Amino acid sequence: MSESDTEPVVRSSDAIEYDSVEAADGLRKGVLIDETDGAPNFAIRRFVLEPGTSVPKHTNAVEHEQYVLEGTYTVGIDDEEYTVSPGDALLIPAGTVHWYRNDGDEPGAFLCAVPNGDDEIELLEE
């Protein structure tokens, strides 16, 4: 047992449930590890962005670190647009306006690490 009294956790991909995200049709989220698994500081989530899906401009109360797993899609951060593909990594600071759009024929998928706790999402008017 480590000094922090945190137990190791290994979750099979079969145990991950994906739910639709209210903010956008075609966006699904699976929580891989979070505080309910005993993770003391961070949660890791996997998002799937289906072809043709757009996620509106929004902000989050906490920072996001993201790693692109599959597909090529567009991420808007503040006034800039970025085309991202597998292997790309992003830092989206807390309170930063951002959005997503998948114009491709393949799903996009990314890992998102966030601090544990409340993550208030504010959708912005277009």
N, C-alpha and C. Protein backbone atom coordinates (compact mmCIF):
# COMPACT_ATOMS: atom_id res chain seq x y z
N MET A 1 0.84 -1.17 0.00
CA MET A 1 0.00 0.00 0.00
C MET A 1 0.90 1.24 0.00
N SER A 2 0.55 2.22 -0.81
CA SER A 2 1.35 3.44 -0.89
C SER A 2 1.05 4.35 0.30
N GLU A 3 1.86 5.37 0.43
CA GLU A 3 1.68 6.33 1.52
C GLU A 3 0.35 7.05 1.44
N SER A 4 -0.21 7.20 0.24
CA SER A 4 -1.44 7.97 0.09
C SER A 4 -2.69 7.15 0.40
N ASP A 5 -2.53 5.84 0.64
CA ASP A 5 -3.65 4.94 0.89
C ASP A 5 -4.60 4.81 -0.30
N THR A 6 -4.15 5.20 -1.48
CA THR A 6 -4.94 5.04 -2.69
C THR A 6 -4.68 3.64 -3.24
N GLU A 7 -5.75 2.91 -3.50
CA GLU A 7 -5.64 1.57 -4.06
C GLU A 7 -5.52 1.65 -5.58
N PRO A 8 -4.72 0.78 -6.20
CA PRO A 8 -4.67 0.72 -7.66
C PRO A 8 -6.03 0.27 -8.23
N VAL A 9 -6.35 0.74 -9.42
CA VAL A 9 -7.59 0.37 -10.10
C VAL A 9 -7.27 0.05 -11.54
N VAL A 10 -7.81 -1.06 -12.04
CA VAL A 10 -7.72 -1.41 -13.46
C VAL A 10 -9.15 -1.67 -13.91
N ARG A 11 -9.62 -0.89 -14.90
CA ARG A 11 -10.98 -1.06 -15.42
C ARG A 11 -10.90 -1.56 -16.84
N SER A 12 -11.63 -2.60 -17.14
CA SER A 12 -11.72 -3.13 -18.48
C SER A 12 -12.53 -2.19 -19.37
N SER A 13 -12.18 -2.13 -20.63
CA SER A 13 -12.95 -1.29 -21.56
C SER A 13 -14.41 -1.73 -21.62
N ASP A 14 -14.66 -3.01 -21.36
CA ASP A 14 -16.04 -3.51 -21.34
C ASP A 14 -16.85 -2.92 -20.19
N ALA A 15 -16.20 -2.42 -19.16
CA ALA A 15 -16.89 -1.88 -17.99
C ALA A 15 -17.24 -0.40 -18.14
N ILE A 16 -16.76 0.23 -19.21
CA ILE A 16 -16.99 1.66 -19.41
C ILE A 16 -18.34 1.86 -20.10
N GLU A 17 -19.20 2.63 -19.48
CA GLU A 17 -20.49 2.96 -20.08
C GLU A 17 -20.41 4.34 -20.71
N TYR A 18 -20.96 4.46 -21.91
CA TYR A 18 -20.97 5.74 -22.63
C TYR A 18 -22.38 6.30 -22.61
N ASP A 19 -22.48 7.58 -22.27
CA ASP A 19 -23.76 8.28 -22.21
C ASP A 19 -23.75 9.43 -23.20
N SER A 20 -24.91 9.74 -23.74
CA SER A 20 -25.04 10.92 -24.60
C SER A 20 -24.83 12.16 -23.74
N VAL A 21 -24.26 13.18 -24.37
CA VAL A 21 -24.02 14.45 -23.69
C VAL A 21 -25.10 15.41 -24.17
N GLU A 22 -25.80 16.03 -23.22
CA GLU A 22 -26.93 16.92 -23.54
C GLU A 22 -26.57 18.05 -24.49
N ALA A 23 -25.35 18.55 -24.42
CA ALA A 23 -24.97 19.74 -25.18
C ALA A 23 -25.00 19.52 -26.69
N ALA A 24 -24.89 18.25 -27.16
CA ALA A 24 -24.82 18.02 -28.60
C ALA A 24 -25.25 16.61 -28.97
N ASP A 25 -26.12 16.50 -29.95
CA ASP A 25 -26.46 15.18 -30.50
C ASP A 25 -25.23 14.62 -31.19
N GLY A 26 -24.91 13.37 -30.91
CA GLY A 26 -23.75 12.75 -31.54
C GLY A 26 -22.48 12.81 -30.71
N LEU A 27 -22.57 13.36 -29.50
CA LEU A 27 -21.43 13.40 -28.59
C LEU A 27 -21.72 12.45 -27.43
N ARG A 28 -20.78 11.52 -27.18
CA ARG A 28 -20.93 10.57 -26.08
C ARG A 28 -19.71 10.64 -25.17
N LYS A 29 -19.95 10.37 -23.88
CA LYS A 29 -18.87 10.44 -22.88
C LYS A 29 -18.85 9.17 -22.06
N GLY A 30 -17.65 8.63 -21.88
CA GLY A 30 -17.42 7.52 -20.95
C GLY A 30 -16.43 7.96 -19.90
N VAL A 31 -16.76 7.74 -18.63
CA VAL A 31 -15.84 8.08 -17.55
C VAL A 31 -14.96 6.86 -17.31
N LEU A 32 -13.67 7.01 -17.56
CA LEU A 32 -12.74 5.89 -17.44
C LEU A 32 -12.33 5.68 -15.98
N ILE A 33 -11.90 6.75 -15.34
CA ILE A 33 -11.48 6.73 -13.93
C ILE A 33 -11.85 8.08 -13.33
N ASP A 34 -12.41 8.08 -12.11
CA ASP A 34 -12.65 9.33 -11.41
C ASP A 34 -12.66 9.09 -9.91
N GLU A 35 -13.14 10.05 -9.14
CA GLU A 35 -13.09 9.94 -7.69
C GLU A 35 -13.88 8.75 -7.16
N THR A 36 -14.90 8.29 -7.90
CA THR A 36 -15.66 7.12 -7.44
C THR A 36 -14.82 5.85 -7.49
N ASP A 37 -13.72 5.89 -8.24
CA ASP A 37 -12.78 4.76 -8.30
C ASP A 37 -11.63 4.94 -7.32
N GLY A 38 -11.66 6.04 -6.57
CA GLY A 38 -10.61 6.32 -5.60
C GLY A 38 -9.51 7.21 -6.13
N ALA A 39 -9.65 7.73 -7.36
CA ALA A 39 -8.64 8.64 -7.90
C ALA A 39 -8.68 9.94 -7.10
N PRO A 40 -7.60 10.33 -6.44
CA PRO A 40 -7.66 11.46 -5.52
C PRO A 40 -7.67 12.84 -6.18
N ASN A 41 -7.17 12.96 -7.41
CA ASN A 41 -6.98 14.29 -7.98
C ASN A 41 -7.66 14.54 -9.32
N PHE A 42 -7.64 13.55 -10.20
CA PHE A 42 -8.08 13.77 -11.58
C PHE A 42 -9.06 12.71 -12.04
N ALA A 43 -9.88 13.10 -13.04
CA ALA A 43 -10.75 12.17 -13.74
C ALA A 43 -10.27 12.09 -15.18
N ILE A 44 -10.38 10.90 -15.76
CA ILE A 44 -10.08 10.72 -17.18
C ILE A 44 -11.36 10.27 -17.84
N ARG A 45 -11.73 10.99 -18.89
CA ARG A 45 -12.95 10.68 -19.63
C ARG A 45 -12.60 10.47 -21.10
N ARG A 46 -13.41 9.68 -21.79
CA ARG A 46 -13.23 9.47 -23.23
C ARG A 46 -14.49 9.96 -23.92
N PHE A 47 -14.31 10.86 -24.87
CA PHE A 47 -15.42 11.40 -25.64
C PHE A 47 -15.37 10.87 -27.06
N VAL A 48 -16.54 10.62 -27.64
CA VAL A 48 -16.67 10.21 -29.04
C VAL A 48 -17.54 11.26 -29.73
N LEU A 49 -17.02 11.81 -30.81
CA LEU A 49 -17.67 12.85 -31.60
C LEU A 49 -18.03 12.24 -32.95
N GLU A 50 -19.30 11.88 -33.13
CA GLU A 50 -19.74 11.21 -34.35
C GLU A 50 -19.63 12.15 -35.56
N PRO A 51 -19.50 11.59 -36.78
CA PRO A 51 -19.46 12.43 -37.98
C PRO A 51 -20.68 13.34 -38.04
N GLY A 52 -20.45 14.60 -38.44
CA GLY A 52 -21.53 15.57 -38.56
C GLY A 52 -21.92 16.25 -37.26
N THR A 53 -21.26 15.91 -36.17
CA THR A 53 -21.60 16.47 -34.87
C THR A 53 -20.89 17.81 -34.63
N SER A 54 -21.64 18.75 -34.07
CA SER A 54 -21.07 20.02 -33.62
C SER A 54 -21.41 20.22 -32.16
N VAL A 55 -20.43 20.63 -31.38
CA VAL A 55 -20.64 20.97 -29.97
C VAL A 55 -20.56 22.48 -29.88
N PRO A 56 -21.60 23.13 -29.36
CA PRO A 56 -21.62 24.60 -29.35
C PRO A 56 -20.54 25.22 -28.48
N LYS A 57 -20.32 26.50 -28.70
CA LYS A 57 -19.37 27.26 -27.88
C LYS A 57 -19.78 27.16 -26.42
N HIS A 58 -18.77 26.92 -25.58
CA HIS A 58 -19.03 26.81 -24.15
C HIS A 58 -17.75 27.06 -23.37
N THR A 59 -17.92 27.23 -22.08
CA THR A 59 -16.78 27.31 -21.17
C THR A 59 -16.97 26.27 -20.08
N ASN A 60 -15.88 25.91 -19.44
CA ASN A 60 -15.89 24.99 -18.31
C ASN A 60 -15.21 25.67 -17.13
N ALA A 61 -15.65 25.31 -15.94
CA ALA A 61 -15.09 25.91 -14.73
C ALA A 61 -13.69 25.38 -14.41
N VAL A 62 -13.31 24.25 -15.03
CA VAL A 62 -12.00 23.66 -14.76
C VAL A 62 -11.22 23.49 -16.06
N GLU A 63 -9.91 23.39 -15.92
CA GLU A 63 -9.04 23.15 -17.08
C GLU A 63 -9.32 21.77 -17.67
N HIS A 64 -8.96 21.60 -18.95
CA HIS A 64 -9.03 20.30 -19.63
C HIS A 64 -7.68 20.04 -20.27
N GLU A 65 -7.18 18.84 -20.14
CA GLU A 65 -6.08 18.37 -20.96
C GLU A 65 -6.66 17.28 -21.84
N GLN A 66 -6.44 17.38 -23.15
CA GLN A 66 -7.04 16.42 -24.08
C GLN A 66 -5.97 15.79 -24.95
N TYR A 67 -6.24 14.54 -25.34
CA TYR A 67 -5.37 13.79 -26.23
C TYR A 67 -6.24 13.12 -27.28
N VAL A 68 -5.99 13.43 -28.56
CA VAL A 68 -6.81 12.91 -29.65
C VAL A 68 -6.42 11.46 -29.94
N LEU A 69 -7.43 10.58 -29.92
CA LEU A 69 -7.23 9.15 -30.15
C LEU A 69 -7.55 8.74 -31.58
N GLU A 70 -8.66 9.26 -32.13
CA GLU A 70 -9.15 8.83 -33.44
C GLU A 70 -9.73 10.00 -34.21
N GLY A 71 -9.71 9.87 -35.53
CA GLY A 71 -10.40 10.83 -36.39
C GLY A 71 -9.68 12.15 -36.51
N THR A 72 -10.21 12.97 -37.41
CA THR A 72 -9.73 14.33 -37.60
C THR A 72 -10.95 15.23 -37.47
N TYR A 73 -10.85 16.25 -36.63
CA TYR A 73 -11.97 17.15 -36.41
C TYR A 73 -11.44 18.54 -36.07
N THR A 74 -12.35 19.49 -35.96
CA THR A 74 -11.98 20.89 -35.71
C THR A 74 -12.31 21.24 -34.26
N VAL A 75 -11.37 21.93 -33.63
CA VAL A 75 -11.58 22.47 -32.30
C VAL A 75 -11.40 23.98 -32.39
N GLY A 76 -12.39 24.71 -31.90
CA GLY A 76 -12.28 26.16 -31.81
C GLY A 76 -11.90 26.51 -30.38
N ILE A 77 -10.88 27.34 -30.24
CA ILE A 77 -10.44 27.82 -28.92
C ILE A 77 -10.30 29.33 -29.04
N ASP A 78 -11.11 30.05 -28.25
CA ASP A 78 -11.20 31.50 -28.38
C ASP A 78 -11.53 31.82 -29.84
N ASP A 79 -10.72 32.62 -30.52
CA ASP A 79 -11.02 33.01 -31.90
C ASP A 79 -10.25 32.20 -32.94
N GLU A 80 -9.58 31.13 -32.52
CA GLU A 80 -8.77 30.31 -33.43
C GLU A 80 -9.44 28.97 -33.69
N GLU A 81 -9.24 28.41 -34.90
CA GLU A 81 -9.69 27.07 -35.23
C GLU A 81 -8.47 26.19 -35.47
N TYR A 82 -8.53 24.96 -34.96
CA TYR A 82 -7.44 24.01 -35.11
C TYR A 82 -7.99 22.70 -35.65
N THR A 83 -7.33 22.13 -36.64
CA THR A 83 -7.65 20.79 -37.10
C THR A 83 -6.76 19.84 -36.32
N VAL A 84 -7.38 18.90 -35.62
CA VAL A 84 -6.62 17.97 -34.78
C VAL A 84 -6.81 16.55 -35.29
N SER A 85 -5.82 15.72 -35.02
CA SER A 85 -5.84 14.31 -35.45
C SER A 85 -5.10 13.48 -34.42
N PRO A 86 -5.13 12.15 -34.54
CA PRO A 86 -4.54 11.28 -33.51
C PRO A 86 -3.11 11.67 -33.15
N GLY A 87 -2.88 11.72 -31.84
CA GLY A 87 -1.57 12.07 -31.31
C GLY A 87 -1.45 13.52 -30.89
N ASP A 88 -2.41 14.37 -31.32
CA ASP A 88 -2.38 15.78 -30.92
C ASP A 88 -2.85 15.92 -29.47
N ALA A 89 -2.33 16.92 -28.78
CA ALA A 89 -2.71 17.19 -27.39
C ALA A 89 -3.11 18.65 -27.26
N LEU A 90 -4.05 18.91 -26.36
CA LEU A 90 -4.57 20.26 -26.17
C LEU A 90 -4.65 20.59 -24.69
N LEU A 91 -4.44 21.84 -24.37
CA LEU A 91 -4.72 22.38 -23.04
C LEU A 91 -5.76 23.47 -23.23
N ILE A 92 -6.89 23.31 -22.57
CA ILE A 92 -7.94 24.32 -22.61
C ILE A 92 -8.11 24.83 -21.18
N PRO A 93 -7.57 26.02 -20.90
CA PRO A 93 -7.65 26.56 -19.53
C PRO A 93 -9.09 26.78 -19.07
N ALA A 94 -9.31 26.77 -17.78
CA ALA A 94 -10.63 27.04 -17.21
C ALA A 94 -11.14 28.39 -17.73
N GLY A 95 -12.43 28.42 -18.07
CA GLY A 95 -13.06 29.66 -18.51
C GLY A 95 -12.83 30.02 -19.96
N THR A 96 -12.08 29.21 -20.71
CA THR A 96 -11.77 29.50 -22.11
C THR A 96 -12.92 29.04 -23.01
N VAL A 97 -13.37 29.92 -23.91
CA VAL A 97 -14.42 29.56 -24.86
C VAL A 97 -13.86 28.54 -25.85
N HIS A 98 -14.59 27.43 -26.04
CA HIS A 98 -14.17 26.41 -27.00
C HIS A 98 -15.38 25.67 -27.54
N TRP A 99 -15.17 24.95 -28.68
CA TRP A 99 -16.22 24.20 -29.35
C TRP A 99 -15.59 23.13 -30.23
N TYR A 100 -16.40 22.21 -30.75
CA TYR A 100 -15.90 21.11 -31.58
C TYR A 100 -16.82 20.93 -32.79
N ARG A 101 -16.24 20.45 -33.90
CA ARG A 101 -17.02 20.13 -35.10
C ARG A 101 -16.34 18.98 -35.84
N ASN A 102 -17.10 17.94 -36.13
CA ASN A 102 -16.56 16.81 -36.90
C ASN A 102 -17.21 16.81 -38.28
N ASP A 103 -16.50 17.34 -39.28
CA ASP A 103 -16.98 17.37 -40.65
C ASP A 103 -16.57 16.13 -41.43
N GLY A 104 -15.82 15.22 -40.78
CA GLY A 104 -15.31 14.04 -41.47
C GLY A 104 -16.33 12.92 -41.55
N ASP A 105 -15.88 11.81 -42.13
CA ASP A 105 -16.72 10.61 -42.29
C ASP A 105 -16.49 9.60 -41.18
N GLU A 106 -15.50 9.84 -40.34
CA GLU A 106 -15.15 8.92 -39.26
C GLU A 106 -15.39 9.58 -37.91
N PRO A 107 -15.72 8.79 -36.90
CA PRO A 107 -15.85 9.37 -35.56
C PRO A 107 -14.52 9.93 -35.08
N GLY A 108 -14.59 10.98 -34.30
CA GLY A 108 -13.43 11.49 -33.59
C GLY A 108 -13.52 11.01 -32.15
N ALA A 109 -12.39 10.79 -31.52
CA ALA A 109 -12.40 10.38 -30.11
C ALA A 109 -11.19 11.01 -29.42
N PHE A 110 -11.42 11.42 -28.16
CA PHE A 110 -10.32 12.00 -27.40
C PHE A 110 -10.45 11.68 -25.93
N LEU A 111 -9.30 11.61 -25.27
CA LEU A 111 -9.25 11.52 -23.82
C LEU A 111 -9.25 12.93 -23.27
N CYS A 112 -9.91 13.09 -22.12
CA CYS A 112 -9.96 14.40 -21.47
C CYS A 112 -9.68 14.19 -19.99
N ALA A 113 -8.64 14.83 -19.48
CA ALA A 113 -8.32 14.76 -18.06
C ALA A 113 -8.72 16.09 -17.42
N VAL A 114 -9.43 15.98 -16.30
CA VAL A 114 -9.88 17.17 -15.58
C VAL A 114 -9.68 16.95 -14.08
N PRO A 115 -9.53 18.03 -13.32
CA PRO A 115 -9.47 17.87 -11.87
C PRO A 115 -10.81 17.33 -11.35
N ASN A 116 -10.76 16.53 -10.30
CA ASN A 116 -11.99 16.06 -9.67
C ASN A 116 -12.77 17.24 -9.12
N GLY A 117 -14.06 17.04 -8.96
CA GLY A 117 -14.91 18.09 -8.40
C GLY A 117 -15.89 18.60 -9.42
N ASP A 118 -16.56 19.67 -9.08
CA ASP A 118 -17.59 20.22 -9.96
C ASP A 118 -16.96 20.89 -11.17
N ASP A 119 -17.55 20.61 -12.35
CA ASP A 119 -17.13 21.24 -13.59
C ASP A 119 -18.36 21.88 -14.20
N GLU A 120 -18.61 23.11 -13.83
CA GLU A 120 -19.77 23.82 -14.35
C GLU A 120 -19.53 24.17 -15.81
N ILE A 121 -20.47 23.76 -16.68
CA ILE A 121 -20.39 24.04 -18.11
C ILE A 121 -21.40 25.14 -18.43
N GLU A 122 -20.93 26.16 -19.12
CA GLU A 122 -21.82 27.25 -19.54
C GLU A 122 -21.86 27.29 -21.05
N LEU A 123 -23.04 27.00 -21.63
CA LEU A 123 -23.23 27.12 -23.07
C LEU A 123 -23.40 28.59 -23.41
N LEU A 124 -22.76 29.01 -24.52
CA LEU A 124 -22.80 30.41 -24.91
C LEU A 124 -23.73 30.59 -26.09
N GLU A 125 -24.38 31.72 -26.15
CA GLU A 125 -25.27 32.04 -27.28
C GLU A 125 -24.43 32.29 -28.52
N GLU A 126 -24.95 31.85 -29.63
CA GLU A 126 -24.26 32.08 -30.92
C GLU A 126 -24.51 33.48 -31.40
